[in-house]
Amino acid sequence: MSLSQLTIANVRCIEQATLDIPPGLALICGPNGSGKTSILEAAFMLGRGRSFRTRNSERLIRYGQDHLRVIGRTCREDGVPETIGFEVTRTATTARIGGRSAESLAELSRAFAVQVIDPGVHRLVEEGGYRRRRWLDWSVFHVEPQFIDTWLRYTRALKQRNAALRSGADPQLWEPELARLGESISHSREELVGRLQPYWREELAALAGVPVELGYQRGWTQEHTLAEALESSRARDRARAVTHSGPHRADITLRLHGRAAREALSRGQQKLVAVAMTVAQLRLLKELTQIHPTLLLDDPAAELDGEYLQRFIAQVMRLRCQLVVTSLHPESRLFGAPEREFRVVQGRVQPV
């Protein structure tokens, strides 16, 4: 699947823009603050239901406006075109896929596979487990289509148990469902992490050259089932009114010589490790699902230089996927000659 057209209304500084995106390489150039990254955010929202820069979608609405809207035309793997619409107002976020309302924003991942490498990519290594869980689950969504439904049912059961804990009601009513779904989620995640290992080791060697080990920590102790963990932590959960055991507490572990990678690596090394995670993930998805994802690259030359930039270019080119790249320099040819080029100045987008 690839993005063929992107229409943007009221996203940050962009009032209105329509971009015809080629199946290969699109280059978006312009000065800092012109709106280049906002275009990538709009494309990312079509497949994720959020920005990669903020979890609060309202912040993306253009100043003085009451909504933003993004419409994308995609081409599915079977060649059938499809339209995705995404809208954020001050009170609601809605999405439409192929003319019907999406029941959940998670459905967007099925309709448009998109990933990003931006200047904040190091946060995948540096920050807490939320980002890494999100990174992992996006992969599992595509490998196991039923995973979305399992995760949504688990989330609903988790909310019900937490509500019972807050109100003083008996949380046990929700525990069998929570345990069953949680074990299924954890199994799917662990299986994918296992499949990822050869791609991870190859990309890590090519990009970072440090022996970081990537593993999965499921969110409760290995010695117990989730049902047992929920039972044993019930008193603590009641005291704090929150569920402490389950896949919602899971994490991807990154360790170098026994230490957490975020403590052992420099900021530059963290970026390379995070890039290796992303490229390995995309290679695995192409191998297992035949999906051709869209990769958004936000000014990669500003974050990497010299030998590391050349390594990065080589590994990205191996993906043979649709690329949308931003750059300060219109003459940029890091990934070859673009099939289409756009110039952005003060929120106005023009094809070159």
Protein backbone atom coordinates (compact mmCIF):
# COMPACT_ATOMS: atom_id res chain seq x y z
CA MET A 1 0.00 0.00 0.00
CA SER A 2 1.19 3.51 -0.73
CA LEU A 3 -0.07 7.06 -0.50
CA SER A 4 -1.01 8.64 -3.84
CA GLN A 5 -2.55 11.92 -2.71
CA LEU A 6 -2.57 13.92 0.52
CA THR A 7 -4.97 16.80 1.19
CA ILE A 8 -4.39 18.91 4.31
CA ALA A 9 -6.57 21.55 5.95
CA ASN A 10 -5.67 23.55 9.07
CA VAL A 11 -2.73 21.45 10.25
CA ARG A 12 -0.42 23.74 12.23
CA CYS A 13 0.67 26.51 9.84
CA ILE A 14 -0.78 24.86 6.72
CA GLU A 15 -4.17 26.28 5.82
CA GLN A 16 -4.75 24.21 2.69
CA ALA A 17 -2.57 21.96 0.54
CA THR A 18 -2.89 19.03 -1.84
CA LEU A 19 0.13 16.91 -2.73
CA ASP A 20 0.22 14.17 -5.36
CA ILE A 21 2.66 11.66 -3.91
CA PRO A 22 4.64 9.35 -6.22
CA PRO A 23 5.07 5.65 -5.39
CA GLY A 24 8.83 6.05 -4.99
CA LEU A 25 10.54 9.18 -3.63
CA ALA A 26 8.95 12.54 -2.80
CA LEU A 27 11.14 15.41 -1.57
CA ILE A 28 9.66 18.24 0.52
CA CYS A 29 12.07 21.15 0.93
CA GLY A 30 11.90 24.52 2.62
CA PRO A 31 13.39 26.57 5.48
CA ASN A 32 12.97 25.78 9.15
CA GLY A 33 9.47 26.53 10.42
CA SER A 34 7.94 26.52 6.94
CA GLY A 35 5.64 23.54 7.54
CA LYS A 36 7.63 20.60 6.13
CA THR A 37 7.27 18.45 9.21
CA SER A 38 3.57 19.33 9.46
CA ILE A 39 3.07 17.56 6.13
CA LEU A 40 4.70 14.44 7.52
CA GLU A 41 2.52 14.70 10.63
CA ALA A 42 -0.58 14.83 8.44
CA ALA A 43 0.50 11.74 6.50
CA PHE A 44 1.32 9.92 9.74
CA MET A 45 -2.13 10.70 11.18
CA LEU A 46 -3.78 8.87 8.29
CA GLY A 47 -2.22 5.60 9.39
CA ARG A 48 -1.92 6.11 13.14
CA GLY A 49 -4.67 8.47 14.26
CA ARG A 50 -2.20 10.80 15.92
CA SER A 51 0.94 12.84 15.34
CA PHE A 52 4.43 11.53 16.01
CA ARG A 53 5.28 14.79 17.81
CA THR A 54 2.42 15.12 20.28
CA ARG A 55 -0.23 12.90 21.85
CA ASN A 56 -2.69 15.82 21.94
CA SER A 57 -4.15 16.12 18.44
CA GLU A 58 -5.91 19.40 19.28
CA ARG A 59 -2.51 21.09 19.37
CA LEU A 60 -2.18 20.50 15.65
CA ILE A 61 -5.26 22.57 14.76
CA ARG A 62 -4.24 25.77 13.01
CA TYR A 63 -4.48 28.86 15.20
CA GLY A 64 -7.90 30.46 15.01
CA GLN A 65 -9.59 27.39 13.50
CA ASP A 66 -11.91 24.88 15.12
CA HIS A 67 -10.85 21.74 13.27
CA LEU A 68 -8.21 20.07 11.13
CA ARG A 69 -8.83 17.61 8.33
CA VAL A 70 -6.56 15.23 6.43
CA ILE A 71 -7.68 13.15 3.45
CA GLY A 72 -5.49 10.56 1.81
CA ARG A 73 -5.88 8.43 -1.26
CA THR A 74 -4.04 5.15 -1.02
CA CYS A 75 -3.43 2.24 -3.34
CA ARG A 76 -3.88 -1.13 -1.65
CA GLU A 77 -1.63 -4.12 -2.34
CA ASP A 78 -4.31 -5.53 -4.68
CA GLY A 79 -4.31 -2.30 -6.68
CA VAL A 80 -7.68 -1.09 -5.39
CA PRO A 81 -7.71 2.62 -4.46
CA GLU A 82 -9.07 3.65 -1.08
CA THR A 83 -9.78 6.97 0.62
CA ILE A 84 -8.98 7.67 4.27
CA GLY A 85 -10.34 10.72 6.07
CA PHE A 86 -9.24 12.00 9.46
CA GLU A 87 -10.69 14.96 11.35
CA VAL A 88 -9.98 16.54 14.72
CA THR A 89 -12.22 19.13 16.37
CA ARG A 90 -12.05 20.65 19.84
CA THR A 91 -14.35 17.92 21.11
CA ALA A 92 -13.83 14.80 18.97
CA THR A 93 -11.56 12.84 16.66
CA THR A 94 -13.12 10.83 13.83
CA ALA A 95 -11.89 8.77 10.90
CA ARG A 96 -13.42 7.28 7.78
CA ILE A 97 -11.99 4.44 5.72
CA GLY A 98 -13.38 3.70 2.29
CA GLY A 99 -16.51 5.76 2.97
CA ARG A 100 -17.41 4.15 6.31
CA SER A 101 -16.80 5.39 9.83
CA ALA A 102 -13.90 3.67 11.60
CA GLU A 103 -14.98 1.97 14.83
CA SER A 104 -11.53 2.60 16.28
CA LEU A 105 -8.53 4.68 15.25
CA ALA A 106 -6.54 1.44 15.43
CA GLU A 107 -8.22 0.45 12.14
CA LEU A 108 -6.15 3.11 10.39
CA SER A 109 -3.07 0.91 10.77
CA ARG A 110 -4.72 -1.73 8.58
CA ALA A 111 -5.65 0.82 5.92
CA PHE A 112 -2.29 2.61 5.64
CA ALA A 113 1.03 1.29 6.90
CA VAL A 114 3.24 4.28 7.73
CA GLN A 115 6.34 4.71 9.87
CA VAL A 116 8.56 7.70 10.62
CA ILE A 117 12.18 8.45 11.47
CA ASP A 118 12.45 11.97 12.85
CA PRO A 119 14.88 13.95 15.04
CA GLY A 120 13.17 12.57 18.14
CA VAL A 121 13.73 8.94 17.18
CA HIS A 122 16.17 8.47 20.11
CA ARG A 123 13.20 8.66 22.49
CA LEU A 124 12.37 5.10 21.44
CA VAL A 125 15.45 4.10 23.44
CA GLU A 126 15.64 6.87 26.01
CA GLU A 127 12.09 7.18 27.31
CA GLY A 128 9.67 4.80 29.03
CA GLY A 129 7.91 1.70 27.78
CA TYR A 130 4.89 3.44 26.22
CA ARG A 131 6.73 4.30 23.02
CA ARG A 132 8.28 0.85 22.68
CA ARG A 133 4.96 -0.91 23.28
CA ARG A 134 3.41 1.24 20.60
CA TRP A 135 6.30 0.45 18.23
CA LEU A 136 5.92 -3.28 18.86
CA ASP A 137 2.14 -3.40 18.62
CA TRP A 138 2.13 -1.65 15.25
CA SER A 139 4.13 -4.59 13.91
CA VAL A 140 1.87 -7.18 15.52
CA PHE A 141 -1.23 -5.42 14.10
CA HIS A 142 0.00 -6.18 10.59
CA VAL A 143 1.30 -9.69 11.19
CA GLU A 144 -1.82 -10.80 13.11
CA PRO A 145 -4.88 -8.81 11.93
CA GLN A 146 -7.01 -10.12 14.82
CA PHE A 147 -4.56 -8.58 17.31
CA ILE A 148 -6.34 -5.20 17.11
CA ASP A 149 -9.62 -6.73 18.26
CA THR A 150 -7.89 -8.64 21.06
CA TRP A 151 -6.14 -5.49 22.25
CA LEU A 152 -9.34 -3.42 22.16
CA ARG A 153 -11.23 -6.05 24.18
CA TYR A 154 -8.35 -6.22 26.66
CA THR A 155 -8.35 -2.41 27.01
CA ARG A 156 -12.09 -2.38 27.70
CA ALA A 157 -11.75 -5.11 30.35
CA LEU A 158 -8.81 -3.26 31.92
CA LYS A 159 -10.86 -0.05 32.15
CA GLN A 160 -13.69 -1.97 33.80
CA ARG A 161 -11.38 -3.56 36.38
CA ASN A 162 -9.75 -0.21 37.14
CA ALA A 163 -13.19 1.38 37.53
CA ALA A 164 -14.12 -1.38 39.98
CA LEU A 165 -10.92 -0.76 41.93
CA ARG A 166 -11.67 2.97 42.15
CA SER A 167 -15.26 2.48 43.25
CA GLY A 168 -14.51 -0.20 45.81
CA ALA A 169 -16.37 -2.89 43.84
CA ASP A 170 -15.05 -6.42 43.39
CA PRO A 171 -12.47 -6.47 40.53
CA GLN A 172 -12.53 -10.27 40.23
CA LEU A 173 -15.44 -10.17 37.79
CA TRP A 174 -13.13 -8.86 35.05
CA GLU A 175 -10.06 -10.93 35.80
CA PRO A 176 -10.79 -14.12 33.76
CA GLU A 177 -11.33 -12.07 30.58
CA LEU A 178 -8.36 -9.84 31.36
CA ALA A 179 -6.09 -12.84 31.95
CA ARG A 180 -7.20 -14.68 28.81
CA LEU A 181 -6.78 -11.70 26.51
CA GLY A 182 -3.58 -10.54 28.21
CA GLU A 183 -1.91 -13.94 27.77
CA SER A 184 -2.87 -13.89 24.09
CA ILE A 185 -1.42 -10.40 23.60
CA SER A 186 1.80 -11.35 25.32
CA HIS A 187 2.18 -14.52 23.24
CA SER A 188 1.75 -12.57 19.99
CA ARG A 189 4.27 -9.96 21.06
CA GLU A 190 6.85 -12.52 22.18
CA GLU A 191 6.51 -14.42 18.91
CA LEU A 192 7.08 -11.27 16.87
CA VAL A 193 10.13 -10.26 18.93
CA GLY A 194 11.56 -13.71 18.25
CA ARG A 195 10.99 -13.35 14.51
CA LEU A 196 12.55 -9.89 14.57
CA GLN A 197 15.90 -11.02 16.00
CA PRO A 198 17.83 -11.82 12.77
CA TYR A 199 16.74 -8.54 11.17
CA TRP A 200 17.57 -6.65 14.37
CA ARG A 201 21.09 -8.09 14.59
CA GLU A 202 21.79 -7.32 10.95
CA GLU A 203 20.54 -3.74 11.12
CA LEU A 204 22.26 -3.11 14.44
CA ALA A 205 25.59 -4.26 13.01
CA ALA A 206 25.16 -2.19 9.86
CA LEU A 207 24.02 1.03 11.57
CA ALA A 208 25.26 1.20 15.15
CA GLY A 209 27.95 -1.43 15.59
CA VAL A 210 27.17 -1.98 19.29
CA PRO A 211 25.95 -5.35 20.68
CA VAL A 212 22.63 -4.20 22.13
CA GLU A 213 20.30 -7.06 23.09
CA LEU A 214 16.60 -6.64 22.33
CA GLY A 215 14.10 -8.62 24.41
CA TYR A 216 10.53 -8.58 25.69
CA GLN A 217 9.37 -8.08 29.28
CA ARG A 218 5.73 -9.11 29.43
CA GLY A 219 4.44 -7.02 32.36
CA TRP A 220 4.24 -9.65 35.09
CA THR A 221 6.65 -12.23 36.48
CA GLN A 222 7.63 -15.25 34.44
CA GLU A 223 6.90 -17.55 37.40
CA HIS A 224 3.15 -16.88 37.32
CA THR A 225 0.28 -16.84 34.88
CA LEU A 226 -1.47 -13.52 34.45
CA ALA A 227 -4.46 -14.86 36.39
CA GLU A 228 -2.16 -15.66 39.30
CA ALA A 229 -0.46 -12.28 39.05
CA LEU A 230 -3.80 -10.44 39.12
CA GLU A 231 -4.86 -12.40 42.17
CA SER A 232 -1.63 -11.84 44.07
CA SER A 233 -1.58 -8.10 43.33
CA ARG A 234 -5.25 -7.51 44.11
CA ALA A 235 -4.62 -5.92 47.50
CA ARG A 236 -2.02 -3.53 46.09
CA ASP A 237 -4.27 -2.77 43.13
CA ARG A 238 -7.11 -1.90 45.49
CA ALA A 239 -4.86 0.38 47.53
CA ARG A 240 -3.71 2.28 44.46
CA ALA A 241 -6.86 1.86 42.35
CA VAL A 242 -4.98 0.65 39.28
CA THR A 243 -4.05 -2.70 37.72
CA HIS A 244 -0.32 -3.34 38.04
CA SER A 245 0.02 -6.63 36.13
CA GLY A 246 -0.61 -7.21 32.45
CA PRO A 247 0.63 -6.47 28.93
CA HIS A 248 -0.22 -2.79 29.38
CA ARG A 249 2.89 -2.74 31.63
CA ALA A 250 5.12 -4.60 29.18
CA ASP A 251 8.31 -3.25 27.65
CA ILE A 252 10.91 -3.91 25.00
CA THR A 253 14.22 -4.29 26.82
CA LEU A 254 17.40 -2.88 25.26
CA ARG A 255 20.56 -3.83 27.13
CA LEU A 256 24.26 -3.37 26.47
CA HIS A 257 26.60 -5.56 28.53
CA GLY A 258 23.85 -6.03 31.11
CA ARG A 259 23.03 -2.32 31.45
CA ALA A 260 20.00 -0.47 30.15
CA ALA A 261 20.93 0.95 26.75
CA ARG A 262 19.65 4.43 27.65
CA GLU A 263 22.25 4.55 30.44
CA ALA A 264 25.13 3.10 28.43
CA LEU A 265 24.76 4.82 25.04
CA SER A 266 25.37 8.39 23.91
CA ARG A 267 22.53 10.36 22.32
CA GLY A 268 23.99 9.69 18.87
CA GLN A 269 24.21 5.95 19.55
CA GLN A 270 20.64 5.95 20.86
CA LYS A 271 19.48 7.43 17.56
CA LEU A 272 21.29 4.76 15.56
CA VAL A 273 19.86 1.98 17.73
CA ALA A 274 16.34 3.42 17.34
CA VAL A 275 16.81 3.65 13.57
CA ALA A 276 17.97 0.02 13.54
CA MET A 277 14.78 -0.95 15.41
CA THR A 278 12.62 0.82 12.84
CA VAL A 279 14.39 -0.48 9.73
CA ALA A 280 14.45 -4.04 11.12
CA GLN A 281 10.73 -3.75 11.86
CA LEU A 282 9.92 -2.65 8.30
CA ARG A 283 12.04 -5.42 6.78
CA LEU A 284 10.23 -8.01 8.89
CA LEU A 285 6.81 -6.69 7.87
CA LYS A 286 7.69 -6.80 4.19
CA GLU A 287 8.92 -10.38 4.58
CA LEU A 288 5.92 -11.65 6.57
CA THR A 289 3.03 -9.66 5.07
CA GLN A 290 4.16 -8.40 1.64
CA ILE A 291 3.09 -4.94 2.80
CA HIS A 292 5.07 -2.09 1.25
CA PRO A 293 4.96 0.60 3.96
CA THR A 294 5.45 4.31 3.53
CA LEU A 295 8.46 5.69 5.39
CA LEU A 296 8.58 9.35 6.40
CA LEU A 297 12.07 10.81 6.94
CA ASP A 298 12.29 14.20 8.60
CA ASP A 299 15.53 15.91 7.51
CA PRO A 300 17.80 12.88 8.04
CA ALA A 301 20.93 14.81 7.03
CA ALA A 302 20.49 17.08 10.06
CA GLU A 303 20.68 14.15 12.46
CA LEU A 304 23.35 11.96 10.87
CA ASP A 305 26.52 12.79 9.04
CA GLY A 306 29.55 11.22 7.41
CA GLU A 307 29.82 7.46 7.50
CA TYR A 308 26.70 6.96 9.63
CA LEU A 309 24.55 8.89 7.15
CA GLN A 310 25.85 6.73 4.30
CA ARG A 311 25.08 3.57 6.28
CA PHE A 312 21.59 4.86 6.99
CA ILE A 313 20.94 5.66 3.33
CA ALA A 314 22.11 2.21 2.26
CA GLN A 315 19.82 0.41 4.71
CA VAL A 316 16.78 2.55 3.86
CA MET A 317 17.31 2.03 0.14
CA ARG A 318 17.23 -1.74 0.73
CA LEU A 319 13.63 -1.41 1.92
CA ARG A 320 12.42 -0.41 -1.55
CA CYS A 321 9.41 1.35 -0.09
CA GLN A 322 7.69 4.68 -0.66
CA LEU A 323 9.77 7.49 0.84
CA VAL A 324 8.63 11.00 1.76
CA VAL A 325 11.69 13.02 2.78
CA THR A 326 12.06 16.56 4.07
CA SER A 327 15.17 18.67 3.62
CA LEU A 328 16.37 22.23 4.04
CA HIS A 329 18.10 21.96 0.69
CA PRO A 330 16.18 21.62 -2.60
CA GLU A 331 19.25 20.08 -4.23
CA SER A 332 19.26 17.17 -1.78
CA ARG A 333 19.76 13.85 -3.54
CA LEU A 334 20.51 11.57 -0.59
CA PHE A 335 18.14 8.90 -1.88
CA GLY A 336 18.50 9.67 -5.58
CA ALA A 337 16.51 11.99 -7.81
CA PRO A 338 12.98 12.53 -6.44
CA GLU A 339 10.04 11.57 -8.61
CA ARG A 340 8.23 14.63 -7.32
CA GLU A 341 9.42 17.66 -5.37
CA PHE A 342 7.53 20.22 -3.30
CA ARG A 343 8.60 23.60 -1.96
CA VAL A 344 7.13 24.84 1.34
CA VAL A 345 7.31 28.49 2.38
CA GLN A 346 5.33 29.87 5.32
CA GLY A 347 2.78 27.08 5.18
CA ARG A 348 2.23 27.30 1.41
CA VAL A 349 3.03 24.16 -0.58
CA GLN A 350 3.91 24.29 -4.27
CA PRO A 351 5.06 21.50 -6.59
CA VAL A 352 8.44 22.20 -8.20
